[in-house]
C-alpha atoms as a PDB file:
ATOM      1  CA  MET A   1      -0.574  -9.838 -17.232  1.00  0.00           C
ATOM      2  CA  VAL A   2       0.523  -9.866 -13.606  1.00  0.00           C
ATOM      3  CA  LYS A   3      -1.061 -12.693 -11.652  1.00  0.00           C
ATOM      4  CA  HIS A   4      -3.114 -12.106  -8.522  1.00  0.00           C
ATOM      5  CA  VAL A   5      -2.054 -14.782  -6.049  1.00  0.00           C
ATOM      6  CA  ASN A   6      -3.326 -16.196  -2.803  1.00  0.00           C
ATOM      7  CA  LYS A   7      -1.276 -17.121   0.268  1.00  0.00           C
ATOM      8  CA  ALA A   8      -0.515 -20.689  -0.875  1.00  0.00           C
ATOM      9  CA  GLU A   9       0.618 -19.601  -4.345  1.00  0.00           C
ATOM     10  CA  PHE A  10       2.702 -16.804  -2.842  1.00  0.00           C
ATOM     11  CA  GLU A  11       4.388 -19.142  -0.332  1.00  0.00           C
ATOM     12  CA  GLU A  12       5.396 -21.469  -3.169  1.00  0.00           C
ATOM     13  CA  LEU A  13       6.704 -18.646  -5.379  1.00  0.00           C
ATOM     14  CA  ILE A  14       8.970 -17.080  -2.759  1.00  0.00           C
ATOM     15  CA  LYS A  15      10.825 -20.382  -2.285  1.00  0.00           C
ATOM     16  CA  GLY A  16      12.207 -20.139  -5.829  1.00  0.00           C
ATOM     17  CA  GLU A  17      15.507 -18.793  -7.109  1.00  0.00           C
ATOM     18  CA  LYS A  18      14.018 -15.749  -8.857  1.00  0.00           C
ATOM     19  CA  THR A  19      13.257 -12.528  -7.035  1.00  0.00           C
ATOM     20  CA  VAL A  20       9.526 -12.062  -6.521  1.00  0.00           C
ATOM     21  CA  PHE A  21       8.165  -8.532  -6.766  1.00  0.00           C
ATOM     22  CA  CYS A  22       4.863  -8.455  -4.938  1.00  0.00           C
ATOM     23  CA  ASP A  23       2.518  -5.493  -5.151  1.00  0.00           C
ATOM     24  CA  PHE A  24       0.366  -5.316  -2.012  1.00  0.00           C
ATOM     25  CA  TRP A  25      -2.704  -3.323  -3.044  1.00  0.00           C
ATOM     26  CA  ALA A  26      -6.476  -2.814  -2.608  1.00  0.00           C
ATOM     27  CA  SER A  27      -9.232  -1.931  -5.070  1.00  0.00           C
ATOM     28  CA  TRP A  28     -10.280   1.154  -3.067  1.00  0.00           C
ATOM     29  CA  CYS A  29      -6.735   2.623  -3.104  1.00  0.00           C
ATOM     30  CA  GLY A  30      -6.233   5.408  -5.667  1.00  0.00           C
ATOM     31  CA  PRO A  31      -2.415   5.270  -5.741  1.00  0.00           C
ATOM     32  CA  CYS A  32      -2.693   1.459  -6.127  1.00  0.00           C
ATOM     33  CA  ARG A  33      -4.802   1.928  -9.249  1.00  0.00           C
ATOM     34  CA  MET A  34      -2.251   4.444 -10.553  1.00  0.00           C
ATOM     35  CA  LEU A  35       0.632   2.024  -9.936  1.00  0.00           C
ATOM     36  CA  ALA A  36      -1.114  -0.956 -11.589  1.00  0.00           C
ATOM     37  CA  PRO A  37      -0.262  -0.091 -15.241  1.00  0.00           C
ATOM     38  CA  VAL A  38       3.290   0.873 -14.246  1.00  0.00           C
ATOM     39  CA  PHE A  39       3.741  -2.459 -12.410  1.00  0.00           C
ATOM     40  CA  GLU A  40       2.317  -4.316 -15.449  1.00  0.00           C
ATOM     41  CA  SER A  41       4.698  -2.603 -17.893  1.00  0.00           C
ATOM     42  CA  VAL A  42       7.739  -3.213 -15.687  1.00  0.00           C
ATOM     43  CA  ALA A  43       6.663  -6.852 -15.269  1.00  0.00           C
ATOM     44  CA  GLU A  44       6.555  -7.216 -19.073  1.00  0.00           C
ATOM     45  CA  LYS A  45       9.970  -5.588 -19.404  1.00  0.00           C
ATOM     46  CA  TYR A  46      11.555  -8.044 -16.938  1.00  0.00           C
ATOM     47  CA  ALA A  47       9.509 -11.135 -17.826  1.00  0.00           C
ATOM     48  CA  GLY A  48      11.573 -14.267 -17.313  1.00  0.00           C
ATOM     49  CA  LYS A  49      14.101 -12.513 -15.064  1.00  0.00           C
ATOM     50  CA  ALA A  50      11.827 -12.205 -12.023  1.00  0.00           C
ATOM     51  CA  GLU A  51       8.302 -13.024 -10.856  1.00  0.00           C
ATOM     52  CA  PHE A  52       5.683 -10.277 -10.560  1.00  0.00           C
ATOM     53  CA  VAL A  53       2.516 -10.827  -8.536  1.00  0.00           C
ATOM     54  CA  LYS A  54      -0.197  -8.852  -6.792  1.00  0.00           C
ATOM     55  CA  ILE A  55      -1.773  -9.497  -3.405  1.00  0.00           C
ATOM     56  CA  ASN A  56      -5.018  -7.826  -2.393  1.00  0.00           C
ATOM     57  CA  VAL A  57      -4.595  -6.827   1.263  1.00  0.00           C
ATOM     58  CA  ASP A  58      -8.339  -7.111   1.873  1.00  0.00           C
ATOM     59  CA  GLU A  59      -8.371 -10.742   0.702  1.00  0.00           C
ATOM     60  CA  GLU A  60      -5.021 -11.786   2.196  1.00  0.00           C
ATOM     61  CA  GLU A  61      -4.966  -9.809   5.423  1.00  0.00           C
ATOM     62  CA  ALA A  62      -2.715 -12.349   7.213  1.00  0.00           C
ATOM     63  CA  LEU A  63       0.026 -11.872   4.607  1.00  0.00           C
ATOM     64  CA  ALA A  64      -0.229  -8.105   4.867  1.00  0.00           C
ATOM     65  CA  ILE A  65       0.136  -8.349   8.643  1.00  0.00           C
ATOM     66  CA  ARG A  66       3.024 -10.831   8.364  1.00  0.00           C
ATOM     67  CA  TYR A  67       4.968  -8.449   6.124  1.00  0.00           C
ATOM     68  CA  GLY A  68       4.088  -5.340   8.120  1.00  0.00           C
ATOM     69  CA  ILE A  69       2.115  -3.723   5.318  1.00  0.00           C
ATOM     70  CA  SER A  70       0.511  -0.635   6.835  1.00  0.00           C
ATOM     71  CA  SER A  71       0.514   1.590   3.733  1.00  0.00           C
ATOM     72  CA  ILE A  72      -0.255   0.677   0.145  1.00  0.00           C
ATOM     73  CA  PRO A  73       0.725   0.318  -2.604  1.00  0.00           C
ATOM     74  CA  ASN A  74       3.818  -1.406  -1.283  1.00  0.00           C
ATOM     75  CA  VAL A  75       5.979  -3.496  -3.605  1.00  0.00           C
ATOM     76  CA  LEU A  76       8.210  -5.982  -1.810  1.00  0.00           C
ATOM     77  CA  ALA A  77      11.273  -7.593  -3.384  1.00  0.00           C
ATOM     78  CA  ILE A  78      11.553 -11.107  -1.935  1.00  0.00           C
ATOM     79  CA  LYS A  79      14.233 -13.665  -2.749  1.00  0.00           C
ATOM     80  CA  GLN A  80      14.299 -17.188  -1.311  1.00  0.00           C
ATOM     81  CA  GLY A  81      11.790 -16.171   1.352  1.00  0.00           C
ATOM     82  CA  LYS A  82      13.665 -13.072   2.529  1.00  0.00           C
ATOM     83  CA  VAL A  83      12.487  -9.507   2.001  1.00  0.00           C
ATOM     84  CA  LEU A  84      15.281  -7.595   0.293  1.00  0.00           C
ATOM     85  CA  ASP A  85      13.625  -4.192   0.037  1.00  0.00           C
ATOM     86  CA  ASN A  86      10.345  -2.391  -0.591  1.00  0.00           C
ATOM     87  CA  SER A  87       9.030   0.440  -2.731  1.00  0.00           C
ATOM     88  CA  LEU A  88       6.235   2.358  -1.018  1.00  0.00           C
ATOM     89  CA  GLY A  89       3.590   4.424  -2.767  1.00  0.00           C
ATOM     90  CA  PHE A  90       3.149   5.357  -6.402  1.00  0.00           C
ATOM     91  CA  VAL A  91       6.379   5.643  -8.376  1.00  0.00           C
ATOM     92  CA  PRO A  92       6.946   6.266 -12.096  1.00  0.00           C
ATOM     93  CA  SER A  93       8.114   3.490 -14.398  1.00  0.00           C
ATOM     94  CA  VAL A  94      11.755   4.607 -14.395  1.00  0.00           C
ATOM     95  CA  THR A  95      11.878   4.456 -10.578  1.00  0.00           C
ATOM     96  CA  LEU A  96      10.188   1.049 -10.377  1.00  0.00           C
ATOM     97  CA  SER A  97      12.494  -0.282 -13.116  1.00  0.00           C
ATOM     98  CA  ALA A  98      15.545   0.879 -11.140  1.00  0.00           C
ATOM     99  CA  PHE A  99      14.148  -0.844  -8.022  1.00  0.00           C
ATOM    100  CA  VAL A 100      13.715  -4.090  -9.989  1.00  0.00           C
ATOM    101  CA  GLU A 101      17.173  -3.842 -11.590  1.00  0.00           C
ATOM    102  CA  LYS A 102      18.724  -3.474  -8.154  1.00  0.00           C
ATOM    103  CA  HIS A 103      17.242  -6.785  -6.958  1.00  0.00           C
ATOM    104  CA  ILE A 104      17.257  -9.218  -9.898  1.00  0.00           C
END
């Protein structure tokens, strides 16, 4: 299961060597709910090769602002504190897998 993290946990994770794929989402967001099982399955597929976490934009508004999140769902690929790329909106598993492959 993908872990929901807070700001402190997130800050620690993005310092690591592995790419962190962070799904910025909210419970009221329909496309976010559609992406959730896709994100979970891709996270299982790449377990051990990258980190997969979720951040609720309503609970961690400062992080959302810091990363310029104005639309959700928005999956950021972050490595050693730097944003490599993002995947905006709902995407099917094959598309999200390709996005992950590109950045691990």
